[in-house]
Amino acid sequence: MMSKHSIDSRNQFAMVTVDDLVPQDHLVRKIDQAISFEFIYPIVESTYSTLGRPSIDPVILVKLVFIQYLFGIRSMRQTIKEIDTDLAYRWFLGFDFTEKIPHFSTFGKNYARCFRETTLFEEIFAYILEQAVKAGFVTEEHLYMDSTHIKANANKHKFNKILTHIEAKAYQKELEKEINEQRIKERKSPF
């Protein structure tokens, strides 16, 4: 017998949390347990002013990029669109159901203010990649440099450290390229 599911249940209220809806074995939960992002705050503290409006949390900025990198999302704009609807990504960032995800241009401005013309992003991202490799989330065999696949050699620890810095620098260039393309579309000068 054929049955028809009612779509009325979409509008029903339920007492659930974002945490309830993210599977216990989801990759973002494993990453959250294995990698602490707290080390970022003291590193970037000097790039923030005590005056003015509150900006995006620097850990959120880095986690946005990490989500894009880890899940192979093609652009930061697309990453932000996916985070808007993906509960696991929201959970990883610490956002609830209704909290507004930062707009791409807001991300670009905050990224530029904190990381442009410094090696901070490269250092932070390389450290996170090293931790991800140690935890088994990323393998040396899957690190890329300028879109070219690189196979790890015999001295894995030294090679791993070099690769994560190369990867971080290459990823930073891609991010800045995307931000500059958006700035040009908005008739602003590129960085």
N, C-alpha and C. Protein backbone atom coordinates (compact mmCIF):
# COMPACT_ATOMS: atom_id res chain seq x y z
N MET A 1 0.83 -1.17 0.00
CA MET A 1 0.00 0.00 0.00
C MET A 1 0.88 1.24 0.00
N MET A 2 0.59 2.16 -0.87
CA MET A 2 1.35 3.40 -0.95
C MET A 2 0.88 4.36 0.14
N SER A 3 1.85 5.01 0.75
CA SER A 3 1.49 6.03 1.73
C SER A 3 2.12 7.35 1.31
N LYS A 4 1.59 8.40 1.83
CA LYS A 4 2.10 9.73 1.50
C LYS A 4 2.52 10.41 2.81
N HIS A 5 3.77 10.82 2.85
CA HIS A 5 4.30 11.47 4.05
C HIS A 5 3.82 12.92 4.08
N SER A 6 3.37 13.33 5.22
CA SER A 6 2.89 14.71 5.37
C SER A 6 4.08 15.64 5.58
N ILE A 7 4.07 16.74 4.85
CA ILE A 7 5.16 17.72 5.02
C ILE A 7 4.87 18.69 6.17
N ASP A 8 3.72 18.52 6.81
CA ASP A 8 3.36 19.40 7.92
C ASP A 8 4.35 19.30 9.08
N SER A 9 5.04 18.19 9.19
CA SER A 9 5.98 18.02 10.31
C SER A 9 7.17 18.97 10.22
N ARG A 10 7.38 19.59 9.08
CA ARG A 10 8.48 20.56 8.95
C ARG A 10 8.30 21.75 9.87
N ASN A 11 7.07 22.08 10.19
CA ASN A 11 6.80 23.27 10.99
C ASN A 11 6.53 22.95 12.45
N GLN A 12 6.74 21.73 12.87
CA GLN A 12 6.53 21.37 14.26
C GLN A 12 7.72 21.79 15.11
N PHE A 13 7.42 22.22 16.31
CA PHE A 13 8.48 22.58 17.25
C PHE A 13 8.99 21.32 17.93
N ALA A 14 10.28 21.29 18.18
CA ALA A 14 10.89 20.17 18.89
C ALA A 14 11.96 20.72 19.82
N MET A 15 12.11 20.10 20.96
CA MET A 15 13.13 20.53 21.91
C MET A 15 14.42 19.75 21.62
N VAL A 16 15.24 20.31 20.75
CA VAL A 16 16.53 19.69 20.41
C VAL A 16 17.59 20.77 20.38
N THR A 17 18.83 20.34 20.50
CA THR A 17 19.96 21.26 20.39
C THR A 17 20.76 20.89 19.15
N VAL A 18 21.62 21.80 18.74
CA VAL A 18 22.51 21.50 17.62
C VAL A 18 23.34 20.27 17.97
N ASP A 19 23.77 20.19 19.22
CA ASP A 19 24.57 19.06 19.67
C ASP A 19 23.83 17.73 19.50
N ASP A 20 22.52 17.73 19.75
CA ASP A 20 21.72 16.50 19.59
C ASP A 20 21.71 16.00 18.15
N LEU A 21 21.81 16.91 17.20
CA LEU A 21 21.63 16.56 15.79
C LEU A 21 22.93 16.25 15.04
N VAL A 22 24.07 16.45 15.70
CA VAL A 22 25.35 16.14 15.05
C VAL A 22 25.77 14.74 15.53
N PRO A 23 25.90 13.79 14.61
CA PRO A 23 26.26 12.42 14.99
C PRO A 23 27.56 12.38 15.80
N GLN A 24 27.60 11.50 16.79
CA GLN A 24 28.77 11.37 17.66
C GLN A 24 30.03 11.00 16.89
N ASP A 25 29.88 10.31 15.76
CA ASP A 25 31.06 9.89 15.00
C ASP A 25 31.40 10.84 13.85
N HIS A 26 30.78 12.02 13.82
CA HIS A 26 31.07 12.98 12.74
C HIS A 26 32.51 13.49 12.86
N LEU A 27 33.13 13.72 11.74
CA LEU A 27 34.52 14.17 11.70
C LEU A 27 34.74 15.45 12.50
N VAL A 28 33.80 16.40 12.46
CA VAL A 28 34.02 17.65 13.20
C VAL A 28 34.08 17.41 14.71
N ARG A 29 33.36 16.42 15.20
CA ARG A 29 33.45 16.09 16.63
C ARG A 29 34.84 15.53 16.97
N LYS A 30 35.34 14.68 16.10
CA LYS A 30 36.67 14.10 16.32
C LYS A 30 37.74 15.18 16.28
N ILE A 31 37.61 16.11 15.34
CA ILE A 31 38.57 17.21 15.24
C ILE A 31 38.49 18.08 16.49
N ASP A 32 37.28 18.38 16.93
CA ASP A 32 37.09 19.21 18.11
C ASP A 32 37.74 18.59 19.34
N GLN A 33 37.72 17.27 19.43
CA GLN A 33 38.36 16.58 20.56
C GLN A 33 39.88 16.54 20.42
N ALA A 34 40.37 16.47 19.20
CA ALA A 34 41.81 16.27 18.98
C ALA A 34 42.60 17.57 18.85
N ILE A 35 41.98 18.63 18.37
CA ILE A 35 42.71 19.87 18.10
C ILE A 35 42.10 21.01 18.90
N SER A 36 42.94 21.66 19.69
CA SER A 36 42.50 22.86 20.41
C SER A 36 42.91 24.08 19.59
N PHE A 37 41.98 24.96 19.37
CA PHE A 37 42.24 26.17 18.61
C PHE A 37 42.54 27.36 19.52
N GLU A 38 42.56 27.13 20.82
CA GLU A 38 42.77 28.21 21.80
C GLU A 38 44.12 28.90 21.63
N PHE A 39 45.10 28.22 21.07
CA PHE A 39 46.43 28.80 20.91
C PHE A 39 46.41 30.04 20.01
N ILE A 40 45.34 30.21 19.25
CA ILE A 40 45.24 31.31 18.29
C ILE A 40 45.12 32.66 18.99
N TYR A 41 44.38 32.72 20.09
CA TYR A 41 44.11 34.00 20.74
C TYR A 41 45.36 34.80 21.10
N PRO A 42 46.32 34.23 21.82
CA PRO A 42 47.50 35.04 22.15
C PRO A 42 48.33 35.42 20.92
N ILE A 43 48.29 34.60 19.88
CA ILE A 43 49.08 34.88 18.68
C ILE A 43 48.55 36.11 17.95
N VAL A 44 47.23 36.26 17.89
CA VAL A 44 46.64 37.35 17.10
C VAL A 44 46.21 38.54 17.94
N GLU A 45 46.37 38.45 19.24
CA GLU A 45 45.89 39.51 20.13
C GLU A 45 46.38 40.90 19.73
N SER A 46 47.62 41.01 19.31
CA SER A 46 48.18 42.32 18.95
C SER A 46 47.58 42.90 17.67
N THR A 47 46.87 42.10 16.88
CA THR A 47 46.26 42.62 15.65
C THR A 47 44.87 43.19 15.89
N TYR A 48 44.36 43.07 17.12
CA TYR A 48 43.03 43.57 17.46
C TYR A 48 43.12 44.83 18.30
N SER A 49 42.20 45.75 18.07
CA SER A 49 42.12 46.98 18.83
C SER A 49 41.16 46.79 19.99
N THR A 50 41.35 47.56 21.05
CA THR A 50 40.41 47.52 22.17
C THR A 50 39.23 48.45 21.92
N LEU A 51 39.30 49.22 20.85
CA LEU A 51 38.24 50.18 20.50
C LEU A 51 37.41 49.64 19.34
N GLY A 52 36.26 50.25 19.14
CA GLY A 52 35.44 49.90 17.98
C GLY A 52 34.50 48.74 18.23
N ARG A 53 33.87 48.31 17.16
CA ARG A 53 32.90 47.22 17.23
C ARG A 53 33.61 45.88 17.39
N PRO A 54 32.95 44.95 18.03
CA PRO A 54 33.54 43.60 18.11
C PRO A 54 33.65 42.99 16.72
N SER A 55 34.72 42.29 16.48
CA SER A 55 34.92 41.66 15.17
C SER A 55 34.66 40.16 15.28
N ILE A 56 34.85 39.47 14.17
CA ILE A 56 34.69 38.02 14.18
C ILE A 56 35.78 37.41 15.05
N ASP A 57 35.40 36.47 15.87
CA ASP A 57 36.35 35.73 16.70
C ASP A 57 37.43 35.14 15.79
N PRO A 58 38.72 35.35 16.10
CA PRO A 58 39.78 34.83 15.23
C PRO A 58 39.75 33.31 15.09
N VAL A 59 39.28 32.61 16.11
CA VAL A 59 39.17 31.15 16.00
C VAL A 59 38.12 30.79 14.96
N ILE A 60 37.03 31.56 14.91
CA ILE A 60 35.99 31.34 13.89
C ILE A 60 36.60 31.55 12.51
N LEU A 61 37.37 32.62 12.33
CA LEU A 61 38.03 32.88 11.03
C LEU A 61 38.85 31.67 10.59
N VAL A 62 39.66 31.15 11.49
CA VAL A 62 40.54 30.03 11.15
C VAL A 62 39.72 28.76 10.93
N LYS A 63 38.71 28.53 11.75
CA LYS A 63 37.88 27.34 11.58
C LYS A 63 37.12 27.38 10.25
N LEU A 64 36.69 28.56 9.81
CA LEU A 64 36.04 28.68 8.50
C LEU A 64 36.97 28.17 7.41
N VAL A 65 38.21 28.61 7.47
CA VAL A 65 39.20 28.19 6.47
C VAL A 65 39.48 26.69 6.60
N PHE A 66 39.55 26.21 7.82
CA PHE A 66 39.83 24.78 8.04
C PHE A 66 38.70 23.91 7.50
N ILE A 67 37.45 24.33 7.70
CA ILE A 67 36.31 23.60 7.13
C ILE A 67 36.44 23.56 5.61
N GLN A 68 36.74 24.71 5.02
CA GLN A 68 36.89 24.77 3.56
C GLN A 68 37.98 23.81 3.09
N TYR A 69 39.10 23.83 3.77
CA TYR A 69 40.24 22.99 3.40
C TYR A 69 39.92 21.51 3.58
N LEU A 70 39.45 21.16 4.77
CA LEU A 70 39.26 19.75 5.13
C LEU A 70 38.18 19.07 4.29
N PHE A 71 37.12 19.80 3.98
CA PHE A 71 36.02 19.21 3.25
C PHE A 71 36.07 19.52 1.75
N GLY A 72 37.15 20.15 1.29
CA GLY A 72 37.36 20.37 -0.14
C GLY A 72 36.34 21.28 -0.78
N ILE A 73 35.88 22.28 -0.05
CA ILE A 73 34.90 23.21 -0.61
C ILE A 73 35.65 24.22 -1.47
N ARG A 74 35.13 24.50 -2.65
CA ARG A 74 35.89 25.22 -3.67
C ARG A 74 36.16 26.70 -3.39
N SER A 75 35.34 27.36 -2.59
CA SER A 75 35.57 28.77 -2.31
C SER A 75 35.06 29.13 -0.92
N MET A 76 35.52 30.25 -0.40
CA MET A 76 35.05 30.69 0.91
C MET A 76 33.58 31.09 0.82
N ARG A 77 33.18 31.67 -0.28
CA ARG A 77 31.77 32.04 -0.47
C ARG A 77 30.89 30.78 -0.36
N GLN A 78 31.30 29.70 -1.03
CA GLN A 78 30.55 28.45 -0.98
C GLN A 78 30.61 27.84 0.42
N THR A 79 31.76 27.96 1.07
CA THR A 79 31.91 27.45 2.44
C THR A 79 30.89 28.10 3.36
N ILE A 80 30.77 29.41 3.26
CA ILE A 80 29.83 30.14 4.12
C ILE A 80 28.39 29.74 3.80
N LYS A 81 28.07 29.52 2.53
CA LYS A 81 26.73 29.05 2.16
C LYS A 81 26.45 27.68 2.77
N GLU A 82 27.44 26.79 2.72
CA GLU A 82 27.25 25.45 3.27
C GLU A 82 27.14 25.46 4.79
N ILE A 83 27.92 26.31 5.44
CA ILE A 83 27.86 26.42 6.89
C ILE A 83 26.48 26.91 7.32
N ASP A 84 25.88 27.75 6.50
CA ASP A 84 24.55 28.29 6.81
C ASP A 84 23.52 27.18 6.99
N THR A 85 23.67 26.07 6.27
CA THR A 85 22.67 24.99 6.32
C THR A 85 23.19 23.68 6.93
N ASP A 86 24.47 23.57 7.21
CA ASP A 86 25.03 22.32 7.73
C ASP A 86 25.18 22.40 9.25
N LEU A 87 24.40 21.61 9.95
CA LEU A 87 24.43 21.66 11.42
C LEU A 87 25.76 21.23 12.01
N ALA A 88 26.45 20.30 11.38
CA ALA A 88 27.75 19.85 11.91
C ALA A 88 28.77 20.99 11.83
N TYR A 89 28.76 21.72 10.73
CA TYR A 89 29.68 22.86 10.61
C TYR A 89 29.32 23.93 11.65
N ARG A 90 28.02 24.19 11.81
CA ARG A 90 27.58 25.17 12.80
C ARG A 90 28.05 24.75 14.20
N TRP A 91 27.89 23.46 14.51
CA TRP A 91 28.31 22.94 15.81
C TRP A 91 29.81 23.17 16.01
N PHE A 92 30.60 22.86 15.00
CA PHE A 92 32.06 23.01 15.07
C PHE A 92 32.46 24.46 15.33
N LEU A 93 31.71 25.39 14.74
CA LEU A 93 32.00 26.81 14.93
C LEU A 93 31.41 27.37 16.22
N GLY A 94 30.50 26.62 16.85
CA GLY A 94 29.86 27.09 18.07
C GLY A 94 28.64 27.95 17.81
N PHE A 95 28.03 27.82 16.64
CA PHE A 95 26.83 28.58 16.28
C PHE A 95 25.58 27.77 16.59
N ASP A 96 24.51 28.46 16.96
CA ASP A 96 23.24 27.78 17.17
C ASP A 96 22.44 27.75 15.86
N PHE A 97 21.17 27.36 15.95
CA PHE A 97 20.32 27.25 14.76
C PHE A 97 20.11 28.58 14.04
N THR A 98 19.98 29.64 14.82
CA THR A 98 19.55 30.92 14.24
C THR A 98 20.67 31.94 14.09
N GLU A 99 21.82 31.69 14.67
CA GLU A 99 22.91 32.66 14.61
C GLU A 99 23.36 32.87 13.18
N LYS A 100 23.50 34.13 12.81
CA LYS A 100 23.86 34.49 11.45
C LYS A 100 25.33 34.19 11.20
N ILE A 101 25.60 33.53 10.10
CA ILE A 101 26.97 33.22 9.69
C ILE A 101 27.57 34.49 9.09
N PRO A 102 28.84 34.80 9.38
CA PRO A 102 29.44 36.01 8.81
C PRO A 102 29.37 36.01 7.28
N HIS A 103 29.07 37.17 6.73
CA HIS A 103 29.03 37.33 5.28
C HIS A 103 30.44 37.18 4.73
N PHE A 104 30.54 36.75 3.48
CA PHE A 104 31.85 36.55 2.87
C PHE A 104 32.69 37.83 2.93
N SER A 105 32.09 38.98 2.65
CA SER A 105 32.87 40.23 2.65
C SER A 105 33.35 40.57 4.06
N THR A 106 32.55 40.25 5.07
CA THR A 106 32.97 40.46 6.46
C THR A 106 34.15 39.56 6.78
N PHE A 107 34.07 38.32 6.31
CA PHE A 107 35.19 37.40 6.49
C PHE A 107 36.45 38.00 5.85
N GLY A 108 36.32 38.47 4.60
CA GLY A 108 37.47 39.02 3.87
C GLY A 108 38.10 40.20 4.58
N LYS A 109 37.27 41.10 5.10
CA LYS A 109 37.78 42.29 5.80
C LYS A 109 38.52 41.89 7.07
N ASN A 110 37.92 40.99 7.84
CA ASN A 110 38.56 40.55 9.08
C ASN A 110 39.84 39.78 8.81
N TYR A 111 39.81 38.93 7.79
CA TYR A 111 41.00 38.17 7.41
C TYR A 111 42.13 39.14 7.04
N ALA A 112 41.80 40.13 6.21
CA ALA A 112 42.81 41.09 5.75
C ALA A 112 43.39 41.88 6.92
N ARG A 113 42.54 42.30 7.85
CA ARG A 113 43.01 43.09 8.98
C ARG A 113 43.94 42.29 9.88
N CYS A 114 43.63 41.02 10.07
CA CYS A 114 44.44 40.19 10.99
C CYS A 114 45.68 39.59 10.34
N PHE A 115 45.55 39.18 9.08
CA PHE A 115 46.59 38.31 8.51
C PHE A 115 47.34 38.87 7.31
N ARG A 116 46.80 39.90 6.67
CA ARG A 116 47.47 40.42 5.49
C ARG A 116 48.84 40.98 5.87
N GLU A 117 49.80 40.73 5.03
CA GLU A 117 51.18 41.21 5.20
C GLU A 117 51.84 40.69 6.48
N THR A 118 51.39 39.52 6.95
CA THR A 118 52.05 38.86 8.08
C THR A 118 52.18 37.38 7.73
N THR A 119 52.91 36.67 8.55
CA THR A 119 53.00 35.21 8.38
C THR A 119 52.12 34.50 9.41
N LEU A 120 51.29 35.26 10.12
CA LEU A 120 50.46 34.68 11.17
C LEU A 120 49.56 33.56 10.65
N PHE A 121 48.87 33.82 9.54
CA PHE A 121 47.95 32.81 9.01
C PHE A 121 48.71 31.54 8.65
N GLU A 122 49.82 31.71 7.97
CA GLU A 122 50.63 30.55 7.57
C GLU A 122 51.06 29.75 8.80
N GLU A 123 51.53 30.44 9.84
CA GLU A 123 51.98 29.77 11.05
C GLU A 123 50.83 29.03 11.74
N ILE A 124 49.69 29.70 11.85
CA ILE A 124 48.53 29.09 12.51
C ILE A 124 48.03 27.89 11.72
N PHE A 125 47.86 28.08 10.41
CA PHE A 125 47.30 27.01 9.58
C PHE A 125 48.27 25.83 9.50
N ALA A 126 49.56 26.10 9.42
CA ALA A 126 50.55 25.02 9.39
C ALA A 126 50.50 24.23 10.69
N TYR A 127 50.37 24.92 11.82
CA TYR A 127 50.28 24.23 13.12
C TYR A 127 49.04 23.34 13.17
N ILE A 128 47.91 23.87 12.70
CA ILE A 128 46.67 23.08 12.70
C ILE A 128 46.80 21.88 11.77
N LEU A 129 47.41 22.08 10.60
CA LEU A 129 47.62 20.95 9.68
C LEU A 129 48.52 19.89 10.32
N GLU A 130 49.57 20.33 11.02
CA GLU A 130 50.44 19.37 11.71
C GLU A 130 49.64 18.56 12.73
N GLN A 131 48.77 19.24 13.48
CA GLN A 131 47.94 18.54 14.47
C GLN A 131 46.96 17.58 13.78
N ALA A 132 46.42 18.01 12.64
CA ALA A 132 45.48 17.15 11.89
C ALA A 132 46.19 15.92 11.34
N VAL A 133 47.44 16.09 10.91
CA VAL A 133 48.22 14.94 10.42
C VAL A 133 48.51 13.99 11.58
N LYS A 134 48.94 14.55 12.72
CA LYS A 134 49.24 13.72 13.90
C LYS A 134 48.02 12.93 14.36
N ALA A 135 46.85 13.56 14.25
CA ALA A 135 45.61 12.89 14.69
C ALA A 135 45.05 11.95 13.63
N GLY A 136 45.65 11.96 12.43
CA GLY A 136 45.21 11.05 11.38
C GLY A 136 44.09 11.56 10.50
N PHE A 137 43.73 12.84 10.61
CA PHE A 137 42.66 13.40 9.78
C PHE A 137 43.14 13.76 8.38
N VAL A 138 44.41 14.09 8.27
CA VAL A 138 45.04 14.43 6.99
C VAL A 138 46.30 13.59 6.91
N THR A 139 46.57 13.00 5.75
CA THR A 139 47.81 12.22 5.60
C THR A 139 48.78 13.00 4.73
N GLU A 140 50.06 12.69 4.92
CA GLU A 140 51.08 13.35 4.12
C GLU A 140 50.84 13.10 2.64
N GLU A 141 50.30 11.95 2.32
CA GLU A 141 50.06 11.61 0.92
C GLU A 141 48.99 12.48 0.28
N HIS A 142 48.19 13.15 1.11
CA HIS A 142 47.10 13.95 0.57
C HIS A 142 47.34 15.45 0.66
N LEU A 143 48.51 15.85 1.11
CA LEU A 143 48.83 17.27 1.10
C LEU A 143 49.18 17.67 -0.33
N TYR A 144 48.80 18.87 -0.70
CA TYR A 144 49.04 19.36 -2.05
C TYR A 144 49.85 20.65 -2.00
N MET A 145 50.57 20.89 -3.06
CA MET A 145 51.29 22.15 -3.18
C MET A 145 51.01 22.71 -4.55
N ASP A 146 50.42 23.91 -4.60
CA ASP A 146 50.08 24.54 -5.87
C ASP A 146 49.31 23.57 -6.76
N SER A 147 48.37 22.86 -6.19
CA SER A 147 47.50 21.91 -6.90
C SER A 147 48.23 20.70 -7.46
N THR A 148 49.48 20.48 -7.06
CA THR A 148 50.23 19.32 -7.51
C THR A 148 50.35 18.34 -6.36
N HIS A 149 50.00 17.11 -6.59
CA HIS A 149 50.06 16.09 -5.54
C HIS A 149 51.52 15.80 -5.19
N ILE A 150 51.81 15.71 -3.89
CA ILE A 150 53.17 15.42 -3.42
C ILE A 150 53.13 14.16 -2.58
N LYS A 151 53.99 13.22 -2.86
CA LYS A 151 54.09 11.98 -2.09
C LYS A 151 55.17 12.16 -1.02
N ALA A 152 54.90 11.74 0.20
CA ALA A 152 55.87 11.89 1.28
C ALA A 152 57.06 10.96 1.08
N ASN A 153 58.23 11.41 1.58
CA ASN A 153 59.43 10.58 1.46
C ASN A 153 59.74 9.87 2.78
N ALA A 154 60.91 9.29 2.90
CA ALA A 154 61.26 8.45 4.04
C ALA A 154 61.30 9.21 5.36
N ASN A 155 61.81 10.44 5.37
CA ASN A 155 61.89 11.21 6.60
C ASN A 155 60.56 11.94 6.82
N LYS A 156 59.56 11.20 7.25
CA LYS A 156 58.20 11.73 7.30
C LYS A 156 58.03 12.92 8.25
N HIS A 157 58.68 12.91 9.40
CA HIS A 157 58.47 13.99 10.36
C HIS A 157 58.97 15.33 9.83
N LYS A 158 60.18 15.35 9.29
CA LYS A 158 60.72 16.59 8.74
C LYS A 158 59.94 17.00 7.50
N PHE A 159 59.66 16.04 6.64
CA PHE A 159 58.92 16.33 5.41
C PHE A 159 57.52 16.84 5.74
N ASN A 160 56.91 16.24 6.74
CA ASN A 160 55.57 16.64 7.16
C ASN A 160 55.55 18.10 7.58
N LYS A 161 56.53 18.51 8.38
CA LYS A 161 56.60 19.89 8.86
C LYS A 161 56.78 20.86 7.69
N ILE A 162 57.65 20.51 6.75
CA ILE A 162 57.87 21.34 5.56
C ILE A 162 56.59 21.42 4.74
N LEU A 163 55.96 20.27 4.52
CA LEU A 163 54.74 20.24 3.71
C LEU A 163 53.62 21.06 4.31
N THR A 164 53.44 20.99 5.62
CA THR A 164 52.34 21.74 6.21
C THR A 164 52.56 23.23 6.06
N HIS A 165 53.81 23.69 6.14
CA HIS A 165 54.08 25.12 5.92
C HIS A 165 53.87 25.50 4.46
N ILE A 166 54.32 24.65 3.55
CA ILE A 166 54.12 24.91 2.12
C ILE A 166 52.62 24.93 1.81
N GLU A 167 51.91 23.96 2.35
CA GLU A 167 50.46 23.86 2.13
C GLU A 167 49.75 25.09 2.69
N ALA A 168 50.13 25.50 3.88
CA ALA A 168 49.50 26.67 4.51
C ALA A 168 49.74 27.92 3.68
N LYS A 169 50.96 28.09 3.20
CA LYS A 169 51.29 29.27 2.39
C LYS A 169 50.51 29.25 1.07
N ALA A 170 50.44 28.10 0.43
CA ALA A 170 49.70 27.98 -0.83
C ALA A 170 48.21 28.25 -0.60
N TYR A 171 47.69 27.75 0.51
CA TYR A 171 46.27 27.95 0.80
C TYR A 171 45.99 29.42 1.10
N GLN A 172 46.92 30.07 1.78
CA GLN A 172 46.76 31.49 2.07
C GLN A 172 46.73 32.29 0.77
N LYS A 173 47.57 31.95 -0.19
CA LYS A 173 47.57 32.64 -1.49
C LYS A 173 46.22 32.48 -2.18
N GLU A 174 45.67 31.27 -2.15
CA GLU A 174 44.36 31.02 -2.77
C GLU A 174 43.27 31.85 -2.10
N LEU A 175 43.31 31.91 -0.78
CA LEU A 175 42.32 32.68 -0.04
C LEU A 175 42.42 34.16 -0.38
N GLU A 176 43.63 34.68 -0.42
CA GLU A 176 43.82 36.09 -0.74
C GLU A 176 43.41 36.40 -2.17
N LYS A 177 43.64 35.46 -3.08
CA LYS A 177 43.20 35.63 -4.46
C LYS A 177 41.68 35.75 -4.52
N GLU A 178 40.99 34.88 -3.80
CA GLU A 178 39.53 34.92 -3.77
C GLU A 178 39.03 36.23 -3.16
N ILE A 179 39.65 36.68 -2.08
CA ILE A 179 39.26 37.94 -1.45
C ILE A 179 39.49 39.10 -2.41
N ASN A 180 40.62 39.11 -3.10
CA ASN A 180 40.91 40.18 -4.06
C ASN A 180 39.93 40.19 -5.22
N GLU A 181 39.53 39.02 -5.71
CA GLU A 181 38.54 38.96 -6.78
C GLU A 181 37.23 39.60 -6.33
N GLN A 182 36.85 39.33 -5.09
CA GLN A 182 35.62 39.93 -4.55
C GLN A 182 35.79 41.44 -4.41
N ARG A 183 36.94 41.89 -3.95
CA ARG A 183 37.18 43.33 -3.80
C ARG A 183 37.09 44.03 -5.15
N ILE A 184 37.62 43.42 -6.19
CA ILE A 184 37.56 44.01 -7.54
C ILE A 184 36.11 44.09 -8.00
N LYS A 185 35.32 43.05 -7.75
CA LYS A 185 33.89 43.08 -8.10
C LYS A 185 33.17 44.22 -7.39
N GLU A 186 33.60 44.51 -6.17
CA GLU A 186 32.98 45.58 -5.38
C GLU A 186 33.61 46.94 -5.68
N ARG A 187 34.45 46.98 -6.72
CA ARG A 187 35.14 48.20 -7.17
C ARG A 187 36.05 48.79 -6.09
N LYS A 188 36.69 47.89 -5.37
CA LYS A 188 37.69 48.27 -4.38
C LYS A 188 39.04 47.81 -4.88
N SER A 189 40.09 48.44 -4.41
CA SER A 189 41.41 48.03 -4.86
C SER A 189 41.81 46.73 -4.17
N PRO A 190 42.49 45.84 -4.90
CA PRO A 190 42.93 44.58 -4.28
C PRO A 190 44.04 44.84 -3.27
N PHE A 191 44.26 43.87 -2.40
CA PHE A 191 45.33 44.00 -1.40
C PHE A 191 46.67 43.78 -2.03
